[in-house]
PDB file of N, CA and C in Angstrom:
ATOM      1  N   UNK A   1     -25.734  14.275 -51.449  1.00  0.00           N
ATOM      2  CA  UNK A   1     -26.414  13.049 -51.824  1.00  0.00           C
ATOM      3  C   UNK A   1     -26.133  11.984 -50.763  1.00  0.00           C
ATOM      4  N   UNK A   2     -27.180  11.340 -50.308  1.00  0.00           N
ATOM      5  CA  UNK A   2     -27.059  10.336 -49.257  1.00  0.00           C
ATOM      6  C   UNK A   2     -26.554   9.019 -49.823  1.00  0.00           C
ATOM      7  N   UNK A   3     -25.738   8.342 -49.033  1.00  0.00           N
ATOM      8  CA  UNK A   3     -25.257   7.031 -49.435  1.00  0.00           C
ATOM      9  C   UNK A   3     -26.346   5.985 -49.218  1.00  0.00           C
ATOM     10  N   UNK A   4     -26.092   4.786 -49.695  1.00  0.00           N
ATOM     11  CA  UNK A   4     -27.058   3.699 -49.548  1.00  0.00           C
ATOM     12  C   UNK A   4     -27.268   3.374 -48.064  1.00  0.00           C
ATOM     13  N   UNK A   5     -26.182   3.349 -47.291  1.00  0.00           N
ATOM     14  CA  UNK A   5     -26.293   3.037 -45.865  1.00  0.00           C
ATOM     15  C   UNK A   5     -27.081   4.106 -45.117  1.00  0.00           C
ATOM     16  N   UNK A   6     -26.859   5.361 -45.468  1.00  0.00           N
ATOM     17  CA  UNK A   6     -27.615   6.434 -44.819  1.00  0.00           C
ATOM     18  C   UNK A   6     -29.103   6.345 -45.164  1.00  0.00           C
ATOM     19  N   UNK A   7     -29.397   6.003 -46.398  1.00  0.00           N
ATOM     20  CA  UNK A   7     -30.789   5.846 -46.823  1.00  0.00           C
ATOM     21  C   UNK A   7     -31.455   4.702 -46.062  1.00  0.00           C
ATOM     22  N   UNK A   8     -30.747   3.587 -45.902  1.00  0.00           N
ATOM     23  CA  UNK A   8     -31.282   2.453 -45.138  1.00  0.00           C
ATOM     24  C   UNK A   8     -31.476   2.834 -43.675  1.00  0.00           C
ATOM     25  N   UNK A   9     -30.507   3.583 -43.114  1.00  0.00           N
ATOM     26  CA  UNK A   9     -30.599   4.007 -41.719  1.00  0.00           C
ATOM     27  C   UNK A   9     -31.835   4.875 -41.520  1.00  0.00           C
ATOM     28  N   UNK A  10     -32.030   5.828 -42.412  1.00  0.00           N
ATOM     29  CA  UNK A  10     -33.196   6.712 -42.306  1.00  0.00           C
ATOM     30  C   UNK A  10     -34.513   5.950 -42.466  1.00  0.00           C
ATOM     31  N   UNK A  11     -34.523   4.937 -43.327  1.00  0.00           N
ATOM     32  CA  UNK A  11     -35.732   4.132 -43.515  1.00  0.00           C
ATOM     33  C   UNK A  11     -36.060   3.353 -42.235  1.00  0.00           C
ATOM     34  N   UNK A  12     -35.054   2.748 -41.624  1.00  0.00           N
ATOM     35  CA  UNK A  12     -35.265   2.015 -40.364  1.00  0.00           C
ATOM     36  C   UNK A  12     -35.692   2.972 -39.258  1.00  0.00           C
ATOM     37  N   UNK A  13     -35.070   4.134 -39.225  1.00  0.00           N
ATOM     38  CA  UNK A  13     -35.429   5.136 -38.224  1.00  0.00           C
ATOM     39  C   UNK A  13     -36.902   5.521 -38.372  1.00  0.00           C
ATOM     40  N   UNK A  14     -37.336   5.749 -39.591  1.00  0.00           N
ATOM     41  CA  UNK A  14     -38.724   6.144 -39.836  1.00  0.00           C
ATOM     42  C   UNK A  14     -39.689   5.021 -39.451  1.00  0.00           C
ATOM     43  N   UNK A  15     -39.319   3.774 -39.736  1.00  0.00           N
ATOM     44  CA  UNK A  15     -40.160   2.642 -39.342  1.00  0.00           C
ATOM     45  C   UNK A  15     -40.309   2.579 -37.817  1.00  0.00           C
ATOM     46  N   UNK A  16     -39.171   2.729 -37.128  1.00  0.00           N
ATOM     47  CA  UNK A  16     -39.212   2.686 -35.670  1.00  0.00           C
ATOM     48  C   UNK A  16     -39.967   3.883 -35.110  1.00  0.00           C
ATOM     49  N   UNK A  17     -39.799   5.036 -35.704  1.00  0.00           N
ATOM     50  CA  UNK A  17     -40.517   6.235 -35.257  1.00  0.00           C
ATOM     51  C   UNK A  17     -42.021   6.048 -35.410  1.00  0.00           C
ATOM     52  N   UNK A  18     -42.440   5.495 -36.536  1.00  0.00           N
ATOM     53  CA  UNK A  18     -43.866   5.231 -36.750  1.00  0.00           C
ATOM     54  C   UNK A  18     -44.403   4.246 -35.713  1.00  0.00           C
ATOM     55  N   UNK A  19     -43.610   3.215 -35.417  1.00  0.00           N
ATOM     56  CA  UNK A  19     -44.020   2.221 -34.429  1.00  0.00           C
ATOM     57  C   UNK A  19     -44.182   2.866 -33.048  1.00  0.00           C
ATOM     58  N   UNK A  20     -43.202   3.673 -32.652  1.00  0.00           N
ATOM     59  CA  UNK A  20     -43.241   4.316 -31.336  1.00  0.00           C
ATOM     60  C   UNK A  20     -44.402   5.303 -31.249  1.00  0.00           C
ATOM     61  N   UNK A  21     -44.672   6.029 -32.324  1.00  0.00           N
ATOM     62  CA  UNK A  21     -45.804   6.955 -32.317  1.00  0.00           C
ATOM     63  C   UNK A  21     -47.122   6.214 -32.164  1.00  0.00           C
ATOM     64  N   UNK A  22     -47.213   5.041 -32.740  1.00  0.00           N
ATOM     65  CA  UNK A  22     -48.448   4.273 -32.668  1.00  0.00           C
ATOM     66  C   UNK A  22     -48.612   3.564 -31.327  1.00  0.00           C
ATOM     67  N   UNK A  23     -47.516   2.965 -30.819  1.00  0.00           N
ATOM     68  CA  UNK A  23     -47.603   2.128 -29.625  1.00  0.00           C
ATOM     69  C   UNK A  23     -47.037   2.765 -28.364  1.00  0.00           C
ATOM     70  N   UNK A  24     -46.339   3.874 -28.468  1.00  0.00           N
ATOM     71  CA  UNK A  24     -45.736   4.604 -27.342  1.00  0.00           C
ATOM     72  C   UNK A  24     -44.694   3.783 -26.585  1.00  0.00           C
ATOM     73  N   UNK A  25     -44.096   2.833 -27.252  1.00  0.00           N
ATOM     74  CA  UNK A  25     -43.041   2.016 -26.653  1.00  0.00           C
ATOM     75  C   UNK A  25     -42.244   1.348 -27.761  1.00  0.00           C
ATOM     76  N   UNK A  26     -41.110   0.796 -27.386  1.00  0.00           N
ATOM     77  CA  UNK A  26     -40.315   0.043 -28.350  1.00  0.00           C
ATOM     78  C   UNK A  26     -40.991  -1.298 -28.632  1.00  0.00           C
ATOM     79  N   UNK A  27     -40.643  -1.929 -29.754  1.00  0.00           N
ATOM     80  CA  UNK A  27     -41.236  -3.237 -30.063  1.00  0.00           C
ATOM     81  C   UNK A  27     -40.905  -4.280 -29.000  1.00  0.00           C
ATOM     82  N   UNK A  28     -41.791  -5.226 -28.839  1.00  0.00           N
ATOM     83  CA  UNK A  28     -41.622  -6.315 -27.884  1.00  0.00           C
ATOM     84  C   UNK A  28     -40.635  -7.330 -28.454  1.00  0.00           C
ATOM     85  N   UNK A  29     -39.659  -7.720 -27.648  1.00  0.00           N
ATOM     86  CA  UNK A  29     -38.645  -8.661 -28.139  1.00  0.00           C
ATOM     87  C   UNK A  29     -39.206 -10.058 -28.347  1.00  0.00           C
ATOM     88  N   UNK A  30     -40.358 -10.349 -27.768  1.00  0.00           N
ATOM     89  CA  UNK A  30     -40.943 -11.679 -27.902  1.00  0.00           C
ATOM     90  C   UNK A  30     -41.796 -11.832 -29.151  1.00  0.00           C
ATOM     91  N   UNK A  31     -42.104 -10.731 -29.818  1.00  0.00           N
ATOM     92  CA  UNK A  31     -42.900 -10.783 -31.045  1.00  0.00           C
ATOM     93  C   UNK A  31     -41.980 -10.694 -32.245  1.00  0.00           C
ATOM     94  N   UNK A  32     -42.029 -11.685 -33.086  1.00  0.00           N
ATOM     95  CA  UNK A  32     -41.087 -11.831 -34.191  1.00  0.00           C
ATOM     96  C   UNK A  32     -41.246 -10.738 -35.238  1.00  0.00           C
ATOM     97  N   UNK A  33     -42.478 -10.277 -35.479  1.00  0.00           N
ATOM     98  CA  UNK A  33     -42.720  -9.370 -36.600  1.00  0.00           C
ATOM     99  C   UNK A  33     -41.984  -8.027 -36.483  1.00  0.00           C
ATOM    100  N   UNK A  34     -41.679  -7.570 -35.275  1.00  0.00           N
ATOM    101  CA  UNK A  34     -40.983  -6.289 -35.123  1.00  0.00           C
ATOM    102  C   UNK A  34     -39.648  -6.417 -34.398  1.00  0.00           C
ATOM    103  N   UNK A  35     -39.152  -7.610 -34.290  1.00  0.00           N
ATOM    104  CA  UNK A  35     -37.890  -7.821 -33.577  1.00  0.00           C
ATOM    105  C   UNK A  35     -36.714  -7.143 -34.282  1.00  0.00           C
ATOM    106  N   UNK A  36     -36.778  -7.068 -35.610  1.00  0.00           N
ATOM    107  CA  UNK A  36     -35.705  -6.418 -36.361  1.00  0.00           C
ATOM    108  C   UNK A  36     -35.555  -4.952 -35.999  1.00  0.00           C
ATOM    109  N   UNK A  37     -36.672  -4.278 -35.754  1.00  0.00           N
ATOM    110  CA  UNK A  37     -36.609  -2.872 -35.345  1.00  0.00           C
ATOM    111  C   UNK A  37     -35.968  -2.718 -33.973  1.00  0.00           C
ATOM    112  N   UNK A  38     -36.305  -3.619 -33.063  1.00  0.00           N
ATOM    113  CA  UNK A  38     -35.704  -3.571 -31.737  1.00  0.00           C
ATOM    114  C   UNK A  38     -34.215  -3.845 -31.806  1.00  0.00           C
ATOM    115  N   UNK A  39     -33.809  -4.809 -32.618  1.00  0.00           N
ATOM    116  CA  UNK A  39     -32.376  -5.099 -32.783  1.00  0.00           C
ATOM    117  C   UNK A  39     -31.647  -3.904 -33.394  1.00  0.00           C
ATOM    118  N   UNK A  40     -32.284  -3.225 -34.347  1.00  0.00           N
ATOM    119  CA  UNK A  40     -31.691  -2.035 -34.948  1.00  0.00           C
ATOM    120  C   UNK A  40     -31.498  -0.951 -33.889  1.00  0.00           C
ATOM    121  N   UNK A  41     -32.493  -0.782 -33.025  1.00  0.00           N
ATOM    122  CA  UNK A  41     -32.416   0.207 -31.944  1.00  0.00           C
ATOM    123  C   UNK A  41     -31.256  -0.118 -31.000  1.00  0.00           C
ATOM    124  N   UNK A  42     -31.166  -1.378 -30.582  1.00  0.00           N
ATOM    125  CA  UNK A  42     -30.097  -1.780 -29.660  1.00  0.00           C
ATOM    126  C   UNK A  42     -28.717  -1.599 -30.285  1.00  0.00           C
ATOM    127  N   UNK A  43     -28.591  -1.958 -31.556  1.00  0.00           N
ATOM    128  CA  UNK A  43     -27.313  -1.818 -32.249  1.00  0.00           C
ATOM    129  C   UNK A  43     -26.893  -0.353 -32.305  1.00  0.00           C
ATOM    130  N   UNK A  44     -27.825   0.525 -32.591  1.00  0.00           N
ATOM    131  CA  UNK A  44     -27.497   1.942 -32.659  1.00  0.00           C
ATOM    132  C   UNK A  44     -27.183   2.530 -31.291  1.00  0.00           C
ATOM    133  N   UNK A  45     -27.834   2.054 -30.237  1.00  0.00           N
ATOM    134  CA  UNK A  45     -27.486   2.491 -28.883  1.00  0.00           C
ATOM    135  C   UNK A  45     -26.065   2.051 -28.533  1.00  0.00           C
ATOM    136  N   UNK A  46     -25.695   0.857 -28.994  1.00  0.00           N
ATOM    137  CA  UNK A  46     -24.343   0.368 -28.767  1.00  0.00           C
ATOM    138  C   UNK A  46     -23.328   1.241 -29.501  1.00  0.00           C
ATOM    139  N   UNK A  47     -23.643   1.592 -30.761  1.00  0.00           N
ATOM    140  CA  UNK A  47     -22.761   2.480 -31.516  1.00  0.00           C
ATOM    141  C   UNK A  47     -22.647   3.849 -30.854  1.00  0.00           C
ATOM    142  N   UNK A  48     -23.728   4.316 -30.268  1.00  0.00           N
ATOM    143  CA  UNK A  48     -23.699   5.615 -29.585  1.00  0.00           C
ATOM    144  C   UNK A  48     -22.774   5.568 -28.379  1.00  0.00           C
ATOM    145  N   UNK A  49     -22.805   4.456 -27.638  1.00  0.00           N
ATOM    146  CA  UNK A  49     -21.911   4.321 -26.483  1.00  0.00           C
ATOM    147  C   UNK A  49     -20.447   4.279 -26.908  1.00  0.00           C
ATOM    148  N   UNK A  50     -20.204   3.699 -28.077  1.00  0.00           N
ATOM    149  CA  UNK A  50     -18.838   3.627 -28.596  1.00  0.00           C
ATOM    150  C   UNK A  50     -18.431   4.906 -29.323  1.00  0.00           C
ATOM    151  N   UNK A  51     -19.340   5.889 -29.357  1.00  0.00           N
ATOM    152  CA  UNK A  51     -19.098   7.190 -29.992  1.00  0.00           C
ATOM    153  C   UNK A  51     -18.817   7.049 -31.486  1.00  0.00           C
ATOM    154  N   UNK A  52     -19.608   6.211 -32.154  1.00  0.00           N
ATOM    155  CA  UNK A  52     -19.428   5.971 -33.583  1.00  0.00           C
ATOM    156  C   UNK A  52     -20.580   6.511 -34.431  1.00  0.00           C
ATOM    157  N   UNK A  53     -21.490   7.270 -33.826  1.00  0.00           N
ATOM    158  CA  UNK A  53     -22.596   7.857 -34.565  1.00  0.00           C
ATOM    159  C   UNK A  53     -22.404   9.361 -34.698  1.00  0.00           C
ATOM    160  N   UNK A  54     -22.936   9.903 -35.771  1.00  0.00           N
ATOM    161  CA  UNK A  54     -22.847  11.351 -35.964  1.00  0.00           C
ATOM    162  C   UNK A  54     -23.760  12.065 -34.967  1.00  0.00           C
ATOM    163  N   UNK A  55     -23.526  13.354 -34.796  1.00  0.00           N
ATOM    164  CA  UNK A  55     -24.326  14.148 -33.874  1.00  0.00           C
ATOM    165  C   UNK A  55     -25.797  14.178 -34.293  1.00  0.00           C
ATOM    166  N   UNK A  56     -26.039  14.244 -35.594  1.00  0.00           N
ATOM    167  CA  UNK A  56     -27.412  14.279 -36.088  1.00  0.00           C
ATOM    168  C   UNK A  56     -28.152  12.991 -35.751  1.00  0.00           C
ATOM    169  N   UNK A  57     -27.504  11.856 -35.953  1.00  0.00           N
ATOM    170  CA  UNK A  57     -28.136  10.575 -35.638  1.00  0.00           C
ATOM    171  C   UNK A  57     -28.356  10.425 -34.134  1.00  0.00           C
ATOM    172  N   UNK A  58     -27.404  10.889 -33.340  1.00  0.00           N
ATOM    173  CA  UNK A  58     -27.570  10.842 -31.888  1.00  0.00           C
ATOM    174  C   UNK A  58     -28.779  11.673 -31.456  1.00  0.00           C
ATOM    175  N   UNK A  59     -28.920  12.852 -32.047  1.00  0.00           N
ATOM    176  CA  UNK A  59     -30.043  13.726 -31.723  1.00  0.00           C
ATOM    177  C   UNK A  59     -31.365  13.063 -32.110  1.00  0.00           C
ATOM    178  N   UNK A  60     -31.393  12.453 -33.284  1.00  0.00           N
ATOM    179  CA  UNK A  60     -32.610  11.787 -33.753  1.00  0.00           C
ATOM    180  C   UNK A  60     -32.993  10.621 -32.840  1.00  0.00           C
ATOM    181  N   UNK A  61     -32.002   9.837 -32.434  1.00  0.00           N
ATOM    182  CA  UNK A  61     -32.273   8.712 -31.539  1.00  0.00           C
ATOM    183  C   UNK A  61     -32.738   9.189 -30.161  1.00  0.00           C
ATOM    184  N   UNK A  62     -32.169  10.304 -29.697  1.00  0.00           N
ATOM    185  CA  UNK A  62     -32.581  10.853 -28.405  1.00  0.00           C
ATOM    186  C   UNK A  62     -34.027  11.350 -28.462  1.00  0.00           C
ATOM    187  N   UNK A  63     -34.398  11.994 -29.557  1.00  0.00           N
ATOM    188  CA  UNK A  63     -35.783  12.448 -29.723  1.00  0.00           C
ATOM    189  C   UNK A  63     -36.739  11.251 -29.725  1.00  0.00           C
ATOM    190  N   UNK A  64     -36.340  10.190 -30.386  1.00  0.00           N
ATOM    191  CA  UNK A  64     -37.161   8.984 -30.426  1.00  0.00           C
ATOM    192  C   UNK A  64     -37.293   8.374 -29.027  1.00  0.00           C
ATOM    193  N   UNK A  65     -36.209   8.364 -28.300  1.00  0.00           N
ATOM    194  CA  UNK A  65     -36.213   7.822 -26.948  1.00  0.00           C
ATOM    195  C   UNK A  65     -37.108   8.657 -26.034  1.00  0.00           C
ATOM    196  N   UNK A  66     -37.078   9.968 -26.202  1.00  0.00           N
ATOM    197  CA  UNK A  66     -37.892  10.851 -25.364  1.00  0.00           C
ATOM    198  C   UNK A  66     -39.373  10.764 -25.687  1.00  0.00           C
ATOM    199  N   UNK A  67     -39.719  10.333 -26.887  1.00  0.00           N
ATOM    200  CA  UNK A  67     -41.126  10.306 -27.294  1.00  0.00           C
ATOM    201  C   UNK A  67     -41.874   9.079 -26.805  1.00  0.00           C
ATOM    202  N   UNK A  68     -41.174   8.083 -26.304  1.00  0.00           N
ATOM    203  CA  UNK A  68     -41.855   6.875 -25.850  1.00  0.00           C
ATOM    204  C   UNK A  68     -42.171   6.978 -24.360  1.00  0.00           C
ATOM    205  N   UNK A  69     -43.113   6.162 -23.918  1.00  0.00           N
ATOM    206  CA  UNK A  69     -43.483   6.093 -22.511  1.00  0.00           C
ATOM    207  C   UNK A  69     -42.780   4.877 -21.923  1.00  0.00           C
ATOM    208  N   UNK A  70     -41.968   5.101 -20.941  1.00  0.00           N
ATOM    209  CA  UNK A  70     -41.207   4.009 -20.343  1.00  0.00           C
ATOM    210  C   UNK A  70     -42.121   3.203 -19.428  1.00  0.00           C
ATOM    211  N   UNK A  71     -41.906   1.900 -19.373  1.00  0.00           N
ATOM    212  CA  UNK A  71     -42.771   1.008 -18.599  1.00  0.00           C
ATOM    213  C   UNK A  71     -42.859   1.439 -17.139  1.00  0.00           C
ATOM    214  N   UNK A  72     -41.770   1.912 -16.552  1.00  0.00           N
ATOM    215  CA  UNK A  72     -41.828   2.332 -15.153  1.00  0.00           C
ATOM    216  C   UNK A  72     -42.760   3.530 -14.989  1.00  0.00           C
ATOM    217  N   UNK A  73     -42.835   4.405 -16.004  1.00  0.00           N
ATOM    218  CA  UNK A  73     -43.772   5.526 -15.953  1.00  0.00           C
ATOM    219  C   UNK A  73     -45.208   5.013 -15.975  1.00  0.00           C
ATOM    220  N   UNK A  74     -45.472   4.001 -16.818  1.00  0.00           N
ATOM    221  CA  UNK A  74     -46.812   3.425 -16.879  1.00  0.00           C
ATOM    222  C   UNK A  74     -47.183   2.820 -15.530  1.00  0.00           C
ATOM    223  N   UNK A  75     -46.247   2.070 -14.940  1.00  0.00           N
ATOM    224  CA  UNK A  75     -46.515   1.439 -13.651  1.00  0.00           C
ATOM    225  C   UNK A  75     -46.749   2.494 -12.578  1.00  0.00           C
ATOM    226  N   UNK A  76     -45.975   3.556 -12.602  1.00  0.00           N
ATOM    227  CA  UNK A  76     -46.134   4.616 -11.607  1.00  0.00           C
ATOM    228  C   UNK A  76     -47.506   5.265 -11.741  1.00  0.00           C
ATOM    229  N   UNK A  77     -47.937   5.515 -12.968  1.00  0.00           N
ATOM    230  CA  UNK A  77     -49.259   6.106 -13.172  1.00  0.00           C
ATOM    231  C   UNK A  77     -50.354   5.161 -12.693  1.00  0.00           C
ATOM    232  N   UNK A  78     -50.229   3.870 -13.012  1.00  0.00           N
ATOM    233  CA  UNK A  78     -51.230   2.890 -12.591  1.00  0.00           C
ATOM    234  C   UNK A  78     -51.255   2.772 -11.070  1.00  0.00           C
ATOM    235  N   UNK A  79     -50.084   2.669 -10.452  1.00  0.00           N
ATOM    236  CA  UNK A  79     -50.019   2.508  -8.999  1.00  0.00           C
ATOM    237  C   UNK A  79     -50.602   3.728  -8.292  1.00  0.00           C
ATOM    238  N   UNK A  80     -50.333   4.900  -8.801  1.00  0.00           N
ATOM    239  CA  UNK A  80     -50.870   6.111  -8.191  1.00  0.00           C
ATOM    240  C   UNK A  80     -52.389   6.089  -8.243  1.00  0.00           C
ATOM    241  N   UNK A  81     -52.950   5.716  -9.381  1.00  0.00           N
ATOM    242  CA  UNK A  81     -54.400   5.641  -9.523  1.00  0.00           C
ATOM    243  C   UNK A  81     -54.973   4.544  -8.627  1.00  0.00           C
ATOM    244  N   UNK A  82     -54.327   3.404  -8.605  1.00  0.00           N
ATOM    245  CA  UNK A  82     -54.821   2.273  -7.836  1.00  0.00           C
ATOM    246  C   UNK A  82     -54.820   2.581  -6.341  1.00  0.00           C
ATOM    247  N   UNK A  83     -53.731   3.148  -5.841  1.00  0.00           N
ATOM    248  CA  UNK A  83     -53.639   3.464  -4.412  1.00  0.00           C
ATOM    249  C   UNK A  83     -54.702   4.490  -4.039  1.00  0.00           C
ATOM    250  N   UNK A  84     -54.886   5.492  -4.876  1.00  0.00           N
ATOM    251  CA  UNK A  84     -55.911   6.498  -4.612  1.00  0.00           C
ATOM    252  C   UNK A  84     -57.293   5.843  -4.573  1.00  0.00           C
ATOM    253  N   UNK A  85     -57.568   4.939  -5.505  1.00  0.00           N
ATOM    254  CA  UNK A  85     -58.864   4.260  -5.565  1.00  0.00           C
ATOM    255  C   UNK A  85     -59.084   3.390  -4.337  1.00  0.00           C
ATOM    256  N   UNK A  86     -58.045   2.685  -3.913  1.00  0.00           N
ATOM    257  CA  UNK A  86     -58.188   1.805  -2.749  1.00  0.00           C
ATOM    258  C   UNK A  86     -58.413   2.629  -1.492  1.00  0.00           C
ATOM    259  N   UNK A  87     -57.714   3.748  -1.365  1.00  0.00           N
ATOM    260  CA  UNK A  87     -57.944   4.602  -0.186  1.00  0.00           C
ATOM    261  C   UNK A  87     -59.374   5.112  -0.173  1.00  0.00           C
ATOM    262  N   UNK A  88     -59.864   5.519  -1.322  1.00  0.00           N
ATOM    263  CA  UNK A  88     -61.233   6.010  -1.413  1.00  0.00           C
ATOM    264  C   UNK A  88     -62.217   4.890  -1.085  1.00  0.00           C
ATOM    265  N   UNK A  89     -61.921   3.691  -1.550  1.00  0.00           N
ATOM    266  CA  UNK A  89     -62.808   2.557  -1.300  1.00  0.00           C
ATOM    267  C   UNK A  89     -62.776   2.100   0.149  1.00  0.00           C
ATOM    268  N   UNK A  90     -61.638   2.287   0.808  1.00  0.00           N
ATOM    269  CA  UNK A  90     -61.530   1.764   2.169  1.00  0.00           C
ATOM    270  C   UNK A  90     -62.581   2.383   3.083  1.00  0.00           C
ATOM    271  N   UNK A  91     -62.923   3.644   2.881  1.00  0.00           N
ATOM    272  CA  UNK A  91     -63.959   4.267   3.692  1.00  0.00           C
ATOM    273  C   UNK A  91     -65.343   3.719   3.363  1.00  0.00           C
ATOM    274  N   UNK A  92     -65.559   3.442   2.089  1.00  0.00           N
ATOM    275  CA  UNK A  92     -66.855   2.941   1.652  1.00  0.00           C
ATOM    276  C   UNK A  92     -67.053   1.489   2.077  1.00  0.00           C
ATOM    277  N   UNK A  93     -65.991   0.709   1.995  1.00  0.00           N
ATOM    278  CA  UNK A  93     -66.112  -0.742   2.134  1.00  0.00           C
ATOM    279  C   UNK A  93     -66.014  -1.246   3.565  1.00  0.00           C
ATOM    280  N   UNK A  94     -65.907  -0.379   4.530  1.00  0.00           N
ATOM    281  CA  UNK A  94     -65.801  -0.841   5.915  1.00  0.00           C
ATOM    282  C   UNK A  94     -67.022  -1.679   6.304  1.00  0.00           C
ATOM    283  N   UNK A  95     -68.163  -1.315   5.788  1.00  0.00           N
ATOM    284  CA  UNK A  95     -69.403  -1.974   6.194  1.00  0.00           C
ATOM    285  C   UNK A  95     -69.771  -3.185   5.343  1.00  0.00           C
ATOM    286  N   UNK A  96     -68.972  -3.478   4.311  1.00  0.00           N
ATOM    287  CA  UNK A  96     -69.303  -4.590   3.428  1.00  0.00           C
ATOM    288  C   UNK A  96     -68.459  -5.813   3.747  1.00  0.00           C
ATOM    289  N   UNK A  97     -68.911  -6.936   3.249  1.00  0.00           N
ATOM    290  CA  UNK A  97     -68.154  -8.170   3.450  1.00  0.00           C
ATOM    291  C   UNK A  97     -66.862  -8.135   2.645  1.00  0.00           C
ATOM    292  N   UNK A  98     -65.913  -8.986   2.996  1.00  0.00           N
ATOM    293  CA  UNK A  98     -64.626  -9.050   2.328  1.00  0.00           C
ATOM    294  C   UNK A  98     -64.788  -9.404   0.857  1.00  0.00           C
ATOM    295  N   UNK A  99     -65.667 -10.311   0.523  1.00  0.00           N
ATOM    296  CA  UNK A  99     -65.884 -10.694  -0.868  1.00  0.00           C
ATOM    297  C   UNK A  99     -66.294  -9.490  -1.700  1.00  0.00           C
ATOM    298  N   UNK A 100     -67.178  -8.691  -1.191  1.00  0.00           N
ATOM    299  CA  UNK A 100     -67.655  -7.527  -1.924  1.00  0.00           C
ATOM    300  C   UNK A 100     -66.547  -6.488  -2.081  1.00  0.00           C
ATOM    301  N   UNK A 101     -65.709  -6.351  -1.088  1.00  0.00           N
ATOM    302  CA  UNK A 101     -64.567  -5.427  -1.176  1.00  0.00           C
ATOM    303  C   UNK A 101     -63.639  -5.866  -2.294  1.00  0.00           C
ATOM    304  N   UNK A 102     -63.333  -7.144  -2.366  1.00  0.00           N
ATOM    305  CA  UNK A 102     -62.475  -7.647  -3.432  1.00  0.00           C
ATOM    306  C   UNK A 102     -63.123  -7.436  -4.787  1.00  0.00           C
ATOM    307  N   UNK A 103     -64.423  -7.634  -4.879  1.00  0.00           N
ATOM    308  CA  UNK A 103     -65.149  -7.437  -6.124  1.00  0.00           C
ATOM    309  C   UNK A 103     -65.043  -5.978  -6.573  1.00  0.00           C
ATOM    310  N   UNK A 104     -65.232  -5.034  -5.669  1.00  0.00           N
ATOM    311  CA  UNK A 104     -65.122  -3.614  -6.016  1.00  0.00           C
ATOM    312  C   UNK A 104     -63.702  -3.248  -6.430  1.00  0.00           C
ATOM    313  N   UNK A 105     -62.723  -3.773  -5.725  1.00  0.00           N
ATOM    314  CA  UNK A 105     -61.331  -3.476  -6.052  1.00  0.00           C
ATOM    315  C   UNK A 105     -60.985  -3.989  -7.438  1.00  0.00           C
ATOM    316  N   UNK A 106     -61.438  -5.190  -7.775  1.00  0.00           N
ATOM    317  CA  UNK A 106     -61.168  -5.743  -9.105  1.00  0.00           C
ATOM    318  C   UNK A 106     -61.832  -4.884 -10.172  1.00  0.00           C
ATOM    319  N   UNK A 107     -63.044  -4.452  -9.941  1.00  0.00           N
ATOM    320  CA  UNK A 107     -63.723  -3.610 -10.933  1.00  0.00           C
ATOM    321  C   UNK A 107     -63.009  -2.287 -11.133  1.00  0.00           C
ATOM    322  N   UNK A 108     -62.471  -1.707 -10.087  1.00  0.00           N
ATOM    323  CA  UNK A 108     -61.740  -0.449 -10.240  1.00  0.00           C
ATOM    324  C   UNK A 108     -60.461  -0.670 -11.024  1.00  0.00           C
ATOM    325  N   UNK A 109     -59.791  -1.785 -10.804  1.00  0.00           N
ATOM    326  CA  UNK A 109     -58.549  -2.072 -11.536  1.00  0.00           C
ATOM    327  C   UNK A 109     -58.815  -2.213 -13.028  1.00  0.00           C
ATOM    328  N   UNK A 110     -59.999  -2.634 -13.405  1.00  0.00           N
ATOM    329  CA  UNK A 110     -60.308  -2.840 -14.811  1.00  0.00           C
ATOM    330  C   UNK A 110     -60.687  -1.548 -15.524  1.00  0.00           C
ATOM    331  N   UNK A 111     -60.895  -0.468 -14.806  1.00  0.00           N
ATOM    332  CA  UNK A 111     -61.249   0.809 -15.440  1.00  0.00           C
ATOM    333  C   UNK A 111     -60.132   1.363 -16.267  1.00  0.00           C
TER     334      UNK A 111
END
């Protein structure tokens, strides 16, 4: 039988898991409505560093961490696409004015 604290922990875990599945990232610290979930995540990471969490909870938190997309991964994917697009455009845009080149580059970034 689970204790009250374990039940609360599992409820918070499920809330955070649902959030990560929907948004593919942790909650934004600047938005008040989900700040409690982010604080719960940070507190549990701190407990993990102090070796105060059970193996099961550590495994669950690691799975949650692995399921999100880290911002640097997003930036890397965007930069790779952007650089490829600009290289492709550079051959096309040699004959156009600078204004038109900037216009095409902006439109590609919005895709």
